[in-house]
């Protein structure tokens, strides 16, 4: 997707997870970091989001949402680097980012969380049909992912959502006092939005 793993985690958590899942916010893919550059015509559309004319603001928002070259990285870049953005502009960019997220494929691990511990985060349950159900067990404690120590569930959410379905994630868990190095193939986040799975928070 033209981003590093760290960039993926940053905009996923900062822009999306806090909205969609109630969360807070690498290994490099070696892709071009300039992919998040914002084209000048898109900057002009963002400026129109602050127009005094409501119709102009609505039209600009619609045009932004239909642009295939306007992505989450670009939205976060604008929101971070332009302190002059009005509340209206920021709100509309937030909504556009949320819509982009739900339109794109994102990974899901198929787990729910238990307790947060001094060393990692405990797994409460797994979802049938996901690879996590084969690899993980309830009460396993995730202590690191991709070589990075885990201290809360928001970190895990960022690691998961920054990946695509089908990617493999390496993690270390504690199981019955033993440390295990495991690999899990990510499923689809969209499959976790199935109402039949209930209201339990799933990742």
N, C-alpha and C. Protein backbone atom coordinates (compact mmCIF):
# COMPACT_ATOMS: atom_id res chain seq x y z
N UNK A 1 0.82 -1.20 0.00
CA UNK A 1 0.00 0.00 0.00
C UNK A 1 0.86 1.25 0.00
N UNK A 2 2.17 1.09 -0.12
CA UNK A 2 3.03 2.25 -0.22
C UNK A 2 3.31 2.91 1.11
N UNK A 3 3.25 2.16 2.21
CA UNK A 3 3.54 2.74 3.51
C UNK A 3 4.40 1.77 4.29
N UNK A 4 5.05 2.27 5.34
CA UNK A 4 5.75 1.39 6.24
C UNK A 4 4.74 0.84 7.24
N UNK A 5 5.12 -0.24 7.91
CA UNK A 5 4.24 -0.81 8.93
C UNK A 5 3.94 0.24 10.00
N UNK A 6 4.99 1.02 10.42
CA UNK A 6 4.78 2.04 11.44
C UNK A 6 3.79 3.09 11.00
N UNK A 7 3.87 3.51 9.71
CA UNK A 7 2.91 4.50 9.21
C UNK A 7 1.50 3.93 9.22
N UNK A 8 1.37 2.68 8.80
CA UNK A 8 0.06 2.04 8.81
C UNK A 8 -0.55 2.07 10.20
N UNK A 9 0.24 1.70 11.21
CA UNK A 9 -0.26 1.66 12.56
C UNK A 9 -0.66 3.05 13.02
N UNK A 10 0.14 4.05 12.69
CA UNK A 10 -0.12 5.39 13.18
C UNK A 10 -1.44 5.92 12.66
N UNK A 11 -1.68 5.85 11.33
CA UNK A 11 -2.93 6.42 10.83
C UNK A 11 -4.11 5.52 11.12
N UNK A 12 -3.86 4.20 11.22
CA UNK A 12 -4.98 3.33 11.54
C UNK A 12 -5.52 3.63 12.92
N UNK A 13 -4.63 3.73 13.91
CA UNK A 13 -5.05 4.00 15.27
C UNK A 13 -5.50 5.44 15.44
N UNK A 14 -4.68 6.37 14.95
CA UNK A 14 -4.97 7.78 15.17
C UNK A 14 -6.23 8.25 14.48
N UNK A 15 -6.51 7.75 13.31
CA UNK A 15 -7.62 8.26 12.53
C UNK A 15 -8.84 7.37 12.55
N UNK A 16 -8.64 6.05 12.67
CA UNK A 16 -9.76 5.13 12.50
C UNK A 16 -10.14 4.41 13.77
N UNK A 17 -9.18 3.77 14.43
CA UNK A 17 -9.54 2.91 15.55
C UNK A 17 -10.25 3.66 16.66
N UNK A 18 -9.83 4.91 16.92
CA UNK A 18 -10.48 5.69 17.96
C UNK A 18 -11.93 5.98 17.61
N UNK A 19 -12.24 6.10 16.31
CA UNK A 19 -13.61 6.35 15.87
C UNK A 19 -14.43 5.08 15.84
N UNK A 20 -13.88 4.07 15.18
CA UNK A 20 -14.65 2.88 14.86
C UNK A 20 -14.72 1.90 16.02
N UNK A 21 -13.62 1.79 16.78
CA UNK A 21 -13.55 0.73 17.77
C UNK A 21 -13.33 1.24 19.18
N UNK A 22 -13.26 2.54 19.39
CA UNK A 22 -13.05 3.08 20.72
C UNK A 22 -11.64 2.89 21.21
N UNK A 23 -10.66 2.78 20.30
CA UNK A 23 -9.27 2.58 20.69
C UNK A 23 -8.53 3.91 20.77
N UNK A 24 -7.30 3.93 21.36
CA UNK A 24 -6.37 5.03 21.24
C UNK A 24 -5.39 4.75 20.09
N UNK A 25 -3.86 5.41 19.51
CA UNK A 25 -2.83 4.84 18.59
C UNK A 25 -1.85 4.07 19.46
N UNK A 26 8.36 -0.13 13.62
CA UNK A 26 7.78 -1.06 12.74
C UNK A 26 8.79 -1.66 11.81
N UNK A 27 8.02 -2.59 11.54
CA UNK A 27 8.84 -3.23 10.52
C UNK A 27 8.52 -2.59 9.18
N UNK A 28 9.55 -2.15 8.45
CA UNK A 28 9.30 -1.47 7.19
C UNK A 28 8.97 -2.45 6.08
N UNK A 29 8.01 -2.04 5.24
CA UNK A 29 7.70 -2.82 4.06
C UNK A 29 8.66 -2.48 2.93
N UNK A 30 9.43 -1.39 3.10
CA UNK A 30 10.36 -1.00 2.07
C UNK A 30 9.70 -0.28 0.92
N UNK A 31 8.45 0.21 1.10
CA UNK A 31 7.76 0.90 0.05
C UNK A 31 8.08 2.39 0.09
N UNK A 32 7.59 3.11 -0.90
CA UNK A 32 7.90 4.52 -1.06
C UNK A 32 7.17 5.35 -0.02
N UNK A 33 7.87 6.03 0.90
CA UNK A 33 7.21 6.80 1.95
C UNK A 33 6.53 8.04 1.41
N UNK A 34 6.83 8.45 0.16
CA UNK A 34 6.22 9.65 -0.39
C UNK A 34 4.82 9.41 -0.90
N UNK A 35 4.33 8.16 -0.76
CA UNK A 35 3.00 7.85 -1.29
C UNK A 35 1.91 8.63 -0.56
N UNK A 36 2.23 9.17 0.64
CA UNK A 36 1.24 9.90 1.39
C UNK A 36 1.21 11.38 1.00
N UNK A 37 2.00 11.79 0.03
CA UNK A 37 1.99 13.19 -0.41
C UNK A 37 0.61 13.57 -0.90
N UNK A 38 0.19 14.79 -0.59
CA UNK A 38 -1.15 15.24 -0.93
C UNK A 38 -1.10 16.09 -2.19
N UNK A 39 -1.75 15.64 -3.29
CA UNK A 39 -1.77 16.42 -4.53
C UNK A 39 -2.39 17.80 -4.31
N UNK A 40 -1.91 18.78 -5.06
CA UNK A 40 -2.35 20.16 -4.86
C UNK A 40 -3.85 20.34 -5.11
N UNK A 41 -4.41 19.60 -6.08
CA UNK A 41 -5.84 19.78 -6.35
C UNK A 41 -6.69 19.23 -5.20
N UNK A 42 -6.15 18.25 -4.47
CA UNK A 42 -6.86 17.76 -3.30
C UNK A 42 -6.80 18.76 -2.16
N UNK A 43 -5.66 19.43 -2.04
CA UNK A 43 -5.53 20.47 -1.03
C UNK A 43 -6.57 21.57 -1.29
N UNK A 44 -6.77 21.89 -2.56
CA UNK A 44 -7.76 22.90 -2.93
C UNK A 44 -9.16 22.46 -2.53
N UNK A 45 -9.46 21.16 -2.71
CA UNK A 45 -10.77 20.66 -2.30
C UNK A 45 -10.94 20.76 -0.79
N UNK A 46 -9.88 20.46 -0.05
CA UNK A 46 -9.95 20.57 1.41
C UNK A 46 -10.20 22.02 1.81
N UNK A 47 -9.59 22.96 1.11
CA UNK A 47 -9.83 24.37 1.41
C UNK A 47 -11.29 24.74 1.20
N UNK A 48 -11.92 24.12 0.20
CA UNK A 48 -13.33 24.40 -0.07
C UNK A 48 -14.25 23.86 1.02
N UNK A 49 -13.75 22.94 1.83
CA UNK A 49 -14.54 22.43 2.95
C UNK A 49 -14.82 23.50 3.98
N UNK A 50 -14.09 24.61 3.89
CA UNK A 50 -14.26 25.71 4.83
C UNK A 50 -14.99 26.89 4.19
N UNK A 51 -15.57 26.66 3.04
CA UNK A 51 -16.29 27.74 2.34
C UNK A 51 -17.48 28.21 3.17
N UNK A 52 -17.82 29.47 3.02
CA UNK A 52 -18.99 30.01 3.71
C UNK A 52 -20.28 29.46 3.11
N UNK A 53 -20.20 28.95 1.89
CA UNK A 53 -21.37 28.42 1.20
C UNK A 53 -21.53 26.93 1.49
N UNK A 54 -22.67 26.54 2.05
CA UNK A 54 -22.90 25.15 2.41
C UNK A 54 -22.84 24.23 1.20
N UNK A 55 -23.43 24.65 0.09
CA UNK A 55 -23.42 23.83 -1.12
C UNK A 55 -22.01 23.55 -1.59
N UNK A 56 -21.14 24.55 -1.50
CA UNK A 56 -19.74 24.38 -1.91
C UNK A 56 -19.05 23.37 -1.00
N UNK A 57 -19.31 23.45 0.32
CA UNK A 57 -18.71 22.51 1.26
C UNK A 57 -19.18 21.09 0.98
N UNK A 58 -20.47 20.92 0.74
CA UNK A 58 -21.01 19.59 0.48
C UNK A 58 -20.45 19.00 -0.81
N UNK A 59 -20.35 19.83 -1.84
CA UNK A 59 -19.81 19.36 -3.11
C UNK A 59 -18.36 18.93 -2.97
N UNK A 60 -17.57 19.73 -2.25
CA UNK A 60 -16.16 19.40 -2.05
C UNK A 60 -16.02 18.09 -1.27
N UNK A 61 -16.85 17.90 -0.26
CA UNK A 61 -16.79 16.67 0.54
C UNK A 61 -17.13 15.45 -0.33
N UNK A 62 -18.13 15.59 -1.18
CA UNK A 62 -18.52 14.49 -2.07
C UNK A 62 -17.40 14.16 -3.05
N UNK A 63 -16.79 15.19 -3.61
CA UNK A 63 -15.71 14.97 -4.57
C UNK A 63 -14.52 14.29 -3.90
N UNK A 64 -14.21 14.68 -2.66
CA UNK A 64 -13.12 14.04 -1.93
C UNK A 64 -13.40 12.57 -1.69
N UNK A 65 -14.62 12.26 -1.30
CA UNK A 65 -14.95 10.87 -0.97
C UNK A 65 -14.89 9.96 -2.19
N UNK A 66 -14.98 10.54 -3.39
CA UNK A 66 -14.97 9.74 -4.61
C UNK A 66 -13.58 9.63 -5.23
N UNK A 67 -12.61 10.33 -4.66
CA UNK A 67 -11.27 10.30 -5.24
C UNK A 67 -10.54 9.03 -4.80
N UNK A 68 -10.05 8.28 -5.77
CA UNK A 68 -9.33 7.05 -5.45
C UNK A 68 -7.89 7.32 -5.03
N UNK A 69 -7.38 8.53 -5.29
CA UNK A 69 -6.00 8.84 -4.93
C UNK A 69 -5.91 9.60 -3.61
N UNK A 70 -7.02 9.71 -2.91
CA UNK A 70 -7.03 10.38 -1.60
C UNK A 70 -7.19 9.30 -0.55
N UNK A 71 -6.12 9.05 0.22
CA UNK A 71 -6.14 7.91 1.14
C UNK A 71 -6.01 8.35 2.59
N UNK A 72 -6.00 7.35 3.48
CA UNK A 72 -5.95 7.64 4.92
C UNK A 72 -4.67 8.35 5.32
N UNK A 73 -3.55 7.95 4.68
CA UNK A 73 -2.30 8.62 5.01
C UNK A 73 -2.35 10.10 4.67
N UNK A 74 -2.94 10.41 3.52
CA UNK A 74 -3.04 11.80 3.10
C UNK A 74 -3.93 12.60 4.05
N UNK A 75 -5.01 11.99 4.50
CA UNK A 75 -5.91 12.67 5.42
C UNK A 75 -5.20 12.98 6.73
N UNK A 76 -4.49 11.98 7.27
CA UNK A 76 -3.78 12.22 8.53
C UNK A 76 -2.69 13.26 8.35
N UNK A 77 -2.03 13.22 7.22
CA UNK A 77 -0.97 14.19 6.96
C UNK A 77 -1.53 15.61 6.99
N UNK A 78 -2.67 15.78 6.33
CA UNK A 78 -3.31 17.10 6.32
C UNK A 78 -3.69 17.54 7.74
N UNK A 79 -4.29 16.64 8.50
CA UNK A 79 -4.76 16.99 9.83
C UNK A 79 -3.63 17.29 10.79
N UNK A 80 -2.49 16.63 10.59
CA UNK A 80 -1.35 16.84 11.48
C UNK A 80 -0.55 18.08 11.10
N UNK A 81 -0.42 18.34 9.82
CA UNK A 81 0.51 19.37 9.36
C UNK A 81 -0.12 20.73 9.11
N UNK A 82 -1.44 20.81 9.07
CA UNK A 82 -2.09 22.09 8.81
C UNK A 82 -2.87 22.53 10.04
N UNK A 83 -2.25 23.35 10.89
CA UNK A 83 -2.94 23.80 12.12
C UNK A 83 -4.07 24.78 11.85
N UNK A 84 -4.19 25.26 10.59
CA UNK A 84 -5.23 26.24 10.27
C UNK A 84 -6.55 25.59 9.89
N UNK A 85 -6.60 24.25 9.82
CA UNK A 85 -7.85 23.59 9.46
C UNK A 85 -8.94 23.92 10.48
N UNK A 86 -10.11 24.25 9.98
CA UNK A 86 -11.23 24.58 10.85
C UNK A 86 -11.86 23.31 11.42
N UNK A 87 -12.67 23.43 12.48
CA UNK A 87 -13.38 22.25 13.00
C UNK A 87 -14.22 21.57 11.92
N UNK A 88 -14.84 22.36 11.03
CA UNK A 88 -15.64 21.80 9.94
C UNK A 88 -14.78 20.95 9.02
N UNK A 89 -13.60 21.46 8.65
CA UNK A 89 -12.71 20.71 7.77
C UNK A 89 -12.26 19.42 8.44
N UNK A 90 -11.88 19.50 9.70
CA UNK A 90 -11.40 18.31 10.41
C UNK A 90 -12.51 17.27 10.55
N UNK A 91 -13.72 17.72 10.84
CA UNK A 91 -14.84 16.78 10.98
C UNK A 91 -15.09 16.05 9.66
N UNK A 92 -15.10 16.79 8.56
CA UNK A 92 -15.37 16.17 7.27
C UNK A 92 -14.24 15.24 6.85
N UNK A 93 -13.00 15.60 7.15
CA UNK A 93 -11.89 14.71 6.85
C UNK A 93 -11.97 13.44 7.70
N UNK A 94 -12.37 13.58 8.95
CA UNK A 94 -12.55 12.42 9.84
C UNK A 94 -13.58 11.46 9.26
N UNK A 95 -14.71 11.99 8.83
CA UNK A 95 -15.77 11.16 8.27
C UNK A 95 -15.31 10.48 6.98
N UNK A 96 -14.59 11.23 6.15
CA UNK A 96 -14.08 10.65 4.90
C UNK A 96 -13.11 9.51 5.20
N UNK A 97 -12.24 9.70 6.20
CA UNK A 97 -11.31 8.65 6.58
C UNK A 97 -12.01 7.41 7.08
N UNK A 98 -13.05 7.60 7.87
CA UNK A 98 -13.82 6.45 8.36
C UNK A 98 -14.44 5.68 7.19
N UNK A 99 -14.99 6.42 6.24
CA UNK A 99 -15.61 5.77 5.08
C UNK A 99 -14.58 5.01 4.25
N UNK A 100 -13.39 5.61 4.07
CA UNK A 100 -12.32 4.92 3.35
C UNK A 100 -11.97 3.61 4.03
N UNK A 101 -11.89 3.66 5.34
CA UNK A 101 -11.51 2.46 6.09
C UNK A 101 -12.48 1.32 5.83
N UNK A 102 -13.77 1.61 5.92
CA UNK A 102 -14.76 0.54 5.76
C UNK A 102 -14.86 0.06 4.33
N UNK A 103 -14.43 0.86 3.36
CA UNK A 103 -14.48 0.41 1.96
C UNK A 103 -13.31 -0.50 1.62
N UNK A 104 -12.22 -0.39 2.37
CA UNK A 104 -11.02 -1.15 2.03
C UNK A 104 -10.93 -2.45 2.83
N UNK A 105 -10.17 -3.42 2.32
CA UNK A 105 -9.97 -4.67 3.06
C UNK A 105 -8.97 -4.49 4.19
N UNK A 106 -9.32 -4.95 5.38
CA UNK A 106 -8.42 -4.87 6.53
C UNK A 106 -8.44 -6.20 7.27
N UNK A 107 -7.36 -6.46 7.93
CA UNK A 107 -7.22 -7.75 8.61
C UNK A 107 -8.03 -7.81 9.90
N UNK A 108 -8.42 -9.00 10.24
CA UNK A 108 -9.02 -9.29 11.53
C UNK A 108 -8.35 -10.54 12.06
N UNK A 109 -8.15 -10.60 13.37
CA UNK A 109 -7.44 -11.73 13.96
C UNK A 109 -8.42 -12.77 14.51
N UNK A 110 -9.62 -12.34 14.88
CA UNK A 110 -10.59 -13.28 15.42
C UNK A 110 -10.36 -13.59 16.88
N UNK A 111 -10.13 -12.54 17.68
CA UNK A 111 -9.94 -12.74 19.12
C UNK A 111 -10.74 -11.70 19.89
N UNK A 112 -11.03 -12.00 21.15
CA UNK A 112 -11.51 -11.00 22.09
C UNK A 112 -10.53 -10.98 23.25
N UNK A 113 -10.46 -9.83 23.92
CA UNK A 113 -9.45 -9.64 24.95
C UNK A 113 -9.97 -9.96 26.34
N UNK A 114 -9.06 -10.45 27.17
CA UNK A 114 -9.32 -10.63 28.58
C UNK A 114 -8.63 -9.51 29.35
N UNK A 115 -7.89 -9.88 30.38
CA UNK A 115 -7.26 -8.89 31.23
C UNK A 115 -6.00 -8.29 30.60
N UNK A 116 -5.75 -7.04 30.97
CA UNK A 116 -4.45 -6.45 30.69
C UNK A 116 -3.54 -6.77 31.87
N UNK A 117 -2.38 -7.33 31.58
CA UNK A 117 -1.46 -7.76 32.63
C UNK A 117 -0.17 -6.96 32.57
N UNK A 118 0.70 -7.19 33.53
CA UNK A 118 1.99 -6.49 33.53
C UNK A 118 2.81 -6.89 32.31
N UNK A 119 2.68 -8.13 31.89
CA UNK A 119 3.40 -8.62 30.72
C UNK A 119 2.41 -8.98 29.63
N UNK A 120 1.92 -8.01 28.89
CA UNK A 120 1.08 -8.30 27.75
C UNK A 120 -0.41 -8.24 28.02
N UNK A 121 -1.16 -8.81 27.08
CA UNK A 121 -2.63 -8.78 27.12
C UNK A 121 -3.15 -10.21 26.97
N UNK A 122 -4.09 -10.55 27.82
CA UNK A 122 -4.65 -11.90 27.83
C UNK A 122 -5.76 -12.05 26.79
N UNK A 123 -5.82 -13.21 26.17
CA UNK A 123 -6.89 -13.52 25.22
C UNK A 123 -8.04 -14.18 25.96
N UNK A 124 -9.23 -13.68 25.71
CA UNK A 124 -10.41 -14.26 26.35
C UNK A 124 -11.01 -15.39 25.52
N UNK A 125 -11.09 -15.17 24.19
CA UNK A 125 -11.68 -16.19 23.33
C UNK A 125 -11.21 -15.98 21.89
N UNK A 126 -11.48 -16.96 21.05
CA UNK A 126 -11.17 -16.86 19.63
C UNK A 126 -12.43 -17.14 18.82
N UNK A 127 -12.42 -16.74 17.55
CA UNK A 127 -13.59 -16.88 16.69
C UNK A 127 -13.36 -18.04 15.73
N UNK A 128 -14.30 -18.96 15.69
CA UNK A 128 -14.21 -20.10 14.78
C UNK A 128 -14.10 -19.62 13.34
N UNK A 129 -13.26 -20.30 12.58
CA UNK A 129 -13.06 -19.94 11.19
C UNK A 129 -11.84 -19.07 10.96
N UNK A 130 -11.30 -18.47 12.02
CA UNK A 130 -10.07 -17.69 11.93
C UNK A 130 -8.89 -18.55 12.35
N UNK A 131 -7.72 -18.26 11.79
CA UNK A 131 -6.54 -19.03 12.10
C UNK A 131 -6.19 -18.94 13.58
N UNK A 132 -6.56 -17.83 14.20
CA UNK A 132 -6.29 -17.66 15.64
C UNK A 132 -6.94 -18.77 16.45
N UNK A 133 -8.09 -19.28 16.00
CA UNK A 133 -8.76 -20.36 16.72
C UNK A 133 -7.94 -21.64 16.70
N UNK A 134 -7.12 -21.81 15.66
CA UNK A 134 -6.25 -22.98 15.56
C UNK A 134 -4.98 -22.82 16.39
N UNK A 135 -4.46 -21.59 16.44
CA UNK A 135 -3.14 -21.35 17.01
C UNK A 135 -3.19 -20.95 18.48
N UNK A 136 -4.19 -20.13 18.85
CA UNK A 136 -4.24 -19.56 20.19
C UNK A 136 -5.24 -20.28 21.08
N UNK A 137 -5.08 -20.07 22.39
CA UNK A 137 -5.97 -20.65 23.38
C UNK A 137 -6.45 -19.55 24.32
N UNK A 138 -7.68 -19.67 24.84
CA UNK A 138 -8.10 -18.73 25.88
C UNK A 138 -7.08 -18.73 27.02
N UNK A 139 -6.82 -17.56 27.57
CA UNK A 139 -5.87 -17.31 28.65
C UNK A 139 -4.42 -17.19 28.16
N UNK A 140 -4.16 -17.44 26.86
CA UNK A 140 -2.84 -17.09 26.32
C UNK A 140 -2.60 -15.60 26.54
N UNK A 141 -1.35 -15.25 26.77
CA UNK A 141 -0.99 -13.84 26.99
C UNK A 141 -0.07 -13.40 25.85
N UNK A 142 -0.51 -12.45 25.05
CA UNK A 142 0.32 -11.92 23.96
C UNK A 142 1.30 -10.92 24.56
N UNK A 143 2.60 -11.19 24.39
CA UNK A 143 3.62 -10.32 24.96
C UNK A 143 4.36 -9.50 23.91
N UNK A 144 4.39 -9.97 22.67
CA UNK A 144 5.02 -9.20 21.60
C UNK A 144 4.45 -9.60 20.25
N UNK A 145 4.49 -8.66 19.32
CA UNK A 145 4.07 -8.89 17.94
C UNK A 145 5.11 -8.29 17.03
N UNK A 146 5.63 -9.10 16.11
CA UNK A 146 6.64 -8.61 15.19
C UNK A 146 7.88 -8.08 15.89
N UNK A 147 8.19 -8.63 17.06
CA UNK A 147 9.35 -8.19 17.81
C UNK A 147 9.12 -6.97 18.68
N UNK A 148 7.90 -6.43 18.71
CA UNK A 148 7.59 -5.26 19.53
C UNK A 148 6.77 -5.69 20.74
N UNK A 149 7.20 -5.23 21.91
CA UNK A 149 6.51 -5.60 23.15
C UNK A 149 5.10 -5.03 23.17
N UNK A 150 4.18 -5.80 23.72
CA UNK A 150 2.78 -5.40 23.79
C UNK A 150 2.41 -5.11 25.26
N UNK A 151 1.81 -3.94 25.47
CA UNK A 151 1.41 -3.59 26.84
C UNK A 151 -0.09 -3.32 26.96
N UNK A 152 -0.79 -3.11 25.82
CA UNK A 152 -2.24 -2.90 25.91
C UNK A 152 -2.92 -3.33 24.61
N UNK A 153 -4.22 -3.44 24.67
CA UNK A 153 -4.99 -3.95 23.54
C UNK A 153 -4.98 -2.99 22.35
N UNK A 154 -4.78 -1.69 22.61
CA UNK A 154 -4.74 -0.74 21.50
C UNK A 154 -3.54 -1.02 20.60
N UNK A 155 -2.43 -1.43 21.18
CA UNK A 155 -1.27 -1.80 20.37
C UNK A 155 -1.60 -2.99 19.48
N UNK A 156 -2.29 -3.97 20.04
CA UNK A 156 -2.66 -5.14 19.25
C UNK A 156 -3.60 -4.74 18.12
N UNK A 157 -4.56 -3.87 18.42
CA UNK A 157 -5.49 -3.41 17.39
C UNK A 157 -4.74 -2.76 16.24
N UNK A 158 -3.75 -1.92 16.56
CA UNK A 158 -2.98 -1.27 15.52
C UNK A 158 -2.20 -2.25 14.68
N UNK A 159 -1.61 -3.25 15.35
CA UNK A 159 -0.86 -4.26 14.62
C UNK A 159 -1.77 -5.04 13.67
N UNK A 160 -2.96 -5.38 14.13
CA UNK A 160 -3.88 -6.17 13.31
C UNK A 160 -4.40 -5.35 12.13
N UNK A 161 -4.92 -4.16 12.42
CA UNK A 161 -5.57 -3.37 11.37
C UNK A 161 -4.59 -2.78 10.37
N UNK A 162 -3.30 -2.78 10.70
CA UNK A 162 -2.31 -2.28 9.74
C UNK A 162 -1.92 -3.35 8.73
N UNK A 163 -2.49 -4.54 8.88
CA UNK A 163 -2.20 -5.63 7.96
C UNK A 163 -3.40 -5.89 7.04
N UNK A 164 -3.15 -6.66 6.00
CA UNK A 164 -4.20 -7.03 5.06
C UNK A 164 -4.60 -8.48 5.30
N UNK A 165 -5.83 -8.84 4.97
CA UNK A 165 -6.23 -10.25 5.08
C UNK A 165 -5.27 -11.16 4.32
N UNK A 166 -4.89 -12.26 4.95
CA UNK A 166 -3.97 -13.18 4.31
C UNK A 166 -2.53 -13.00 4.73
N UNK A 167 -2.20 -11.86 5.33
CA UNK A 167 -0.83 -11.64 5.82
C UNK A 167 -0.59 -12.49 7.06
N UNK A 168 0.68 -12.78 7.29
CA UNK A 168 1.07 -13.55 8.47
C UNK A 168 1.62 -12.62 9.54
N UNK A 169 1.23 -12.85 10.77
CA UNK A 169 1.72 -12.05 11.89
C UNK A 169 2.44 -12.97 12.87
N UNK A 170 3.68 -12.60 13.22
CA UNK A 170 4.46 -13.36 14.19
C UNK A 170 4.25 -12.77 15.58
N UNK A 171 4.01 -13.62 16.54
CA UNK A 171 3.81 -13.14 17.90
C UNK A 171 4.38 -14.11 18.92
N UNK A 172 4.60 -13.59 20.10
CA UNK A 172 5.07 -14.39 21.23
C UNK A 172 3.99 -14.38 22.29
N UNK A 173 3.65 -15.56 22.80
CA UNK A 173 2.63 -15.66 23.84
C UNK A 173 3.18 -16.46 25.01
N UNK A 174 2.61 -16.19 26.17
CA UNK A 174 2.85 -17.01 27.36
C UNK A 174 1.67 -17.94 27.53
N UNK A 175 1.95 -19.23 27.65
CA UNK A 175 0.89 -20.23 27.84
C UNK A 175 1.32 -21.17 28.95
N UNK A 176 0.62 -21.08 30.07
CA UNK A 176 0.98 -21.93 31.20
C UNK A 176 2.40 -21.73 31.68
N UNK A 177 2.89 -20.49 31.58
CA UNK A 177 4.25 -20.18 32.02
C UNK A 177 5.31 -20.41 30.97
N UNK A 178 4.95 -20.99 29.83
CA UNK A 178 5.90 -21.23 28.75
C UNK A 178 5.78 -20.16 27.68
N UNK A 179 6.90 -19.73 27.15
CA UNK A 179 6.91 -18.74 26.08
C UNK A 179 6.92 -19.45 24.73
N UNK A 180 5.97 -19.09 23.88
CA UNK A 180 5.83 -19.72 22.57
C UNK A 180 5.91 -18.68 21.46
N UNK A 181 6.64 -19.00 20.41
CA UNK A 181 6.70 -18.15 19.21
C UNK A 181 5.75 -18.74 18.17
N UNK A 182 4.77 -17.96 17.76
CA UNK A 182 3.71 -18.46 16.89
C UNK A 182 3.52 -17.55 15.68
N UNK A 183 2.91 -18.08 14.64
CA UNK A 183 2.56 -17.31 13.46
C UNK A 183 1.08 -17.52 13.16
N UNK A 184 0.40 -16.43 12.85
CA UNK A 184 -1.04 -16.49 12.58
C UNK A 184 -1.32 -15.80 11.25
N UNK A 185 -2.13 -16.43 10.42
CA UNK A 185 -2.57 -15.82 9.18
C UNK A 185 -3.82 -14.99 9.45
N UNK A 186 -3.78 -13.72 9.04
CA UNK A 186 -4.89 -12.83 9.31
C UNK A 186 -6.12 -13.18 8.47
N UNK A 187 -7.29 -13.04 9.09
CA UNK A 187 -8.54 -13.15 8.38
C UNK A 187 -9.02 -11.76 7.98
N UNK A 188 -10.30 -11.61 7.72
CA UNK A 188 -10.85 -10.33 7.29
C UNK A 188 -11.60 -9.65 8.42
N UNK A 189 -11.31 -8.37 8.62
CA UNK A 189 -12.02 -7.59 9.64
C UNK A 189 -13.51 -7.55 9.35
N UNK A 190 -13.88 -7.54 8.07
CA UNK A 190 -15.29 -7.47 7.69
C UNK A 190 -16.07 -8.65 8.26
N UNK A 191 -15.43 -9.81 8.39
CA UNK A 191 -16.11 -10.99 8.91
C UNK A 191 -16.43 -10.85 10.39
N UNK A 192 -15.75 -9.94 11.08
CA UNK A 192 -15.99 -9.74 12.51
C UNK A 192 -17.16 -8.81 12.76
N UNK A 193 -17.71 -8.21 11.71
CA UNK A 193 -18.83 -7.29 11.86
C UNK A 193 -20.16 -8.01 11.67
N UNK A 194 -20.09 -9.33 11.70
CA UNK A 194 -21.29 -10.15 11.56
C UNK A 194 -22.12 -10.06 12.85
N UNK A 195 -23.38 -9.61 12.80
CA UNK A 195 -24.19 -9.47 14.00
C UNK A 195 -24.33 -10.75 14.81
N UNK A 196 -24.18 -11.90 14.15
CA UNK A 196 -24.36 -13.17 14.85
C UNK A 196 -23.25 -13.40 15.87
N UNK A 197 -22.14 -12.62 15.76
CA UNK A 197 -21.05 -12.78 16.71
C UNK A 197 -21.31 -12.04 18.01
N UNK A 198 -22.41 -11.26 18.05
CA UNK A 198 -22.75 -10.57 19.28
C UNK A 198 -22.05 -9.25 19.42
N UNK A 199 -22.21 -8.62 20.60
CA UNK A 199 -21.70 -7.29 20.84
C UNK A 199 -20.29 -7.28 21.40
N UNK A 200 -19.73 -8.43 21.68
CA UNK A 200 -18.39 -8.52 22.24
C UNK A 200 -17.38 -7.88 21.31
N UNK A 201 -16.46 -7.12 21.88
CA UNK A 201 -15.44 -6.46 21.05
C UNK A 201 -14.48 -7.49 20.51
N UNK A 202 -14.39 -7.55 19.18
CA UNK A 202 -13.54 -8.50 18.51
C UNK A 202 -12.50 -7.78 17.67
N UNK A 203 -11.32 -8.39 17.53
CA UNK A 203 -10.26 -7.79 16.72
C UNK A 203 -9.89 -8.75 15.58
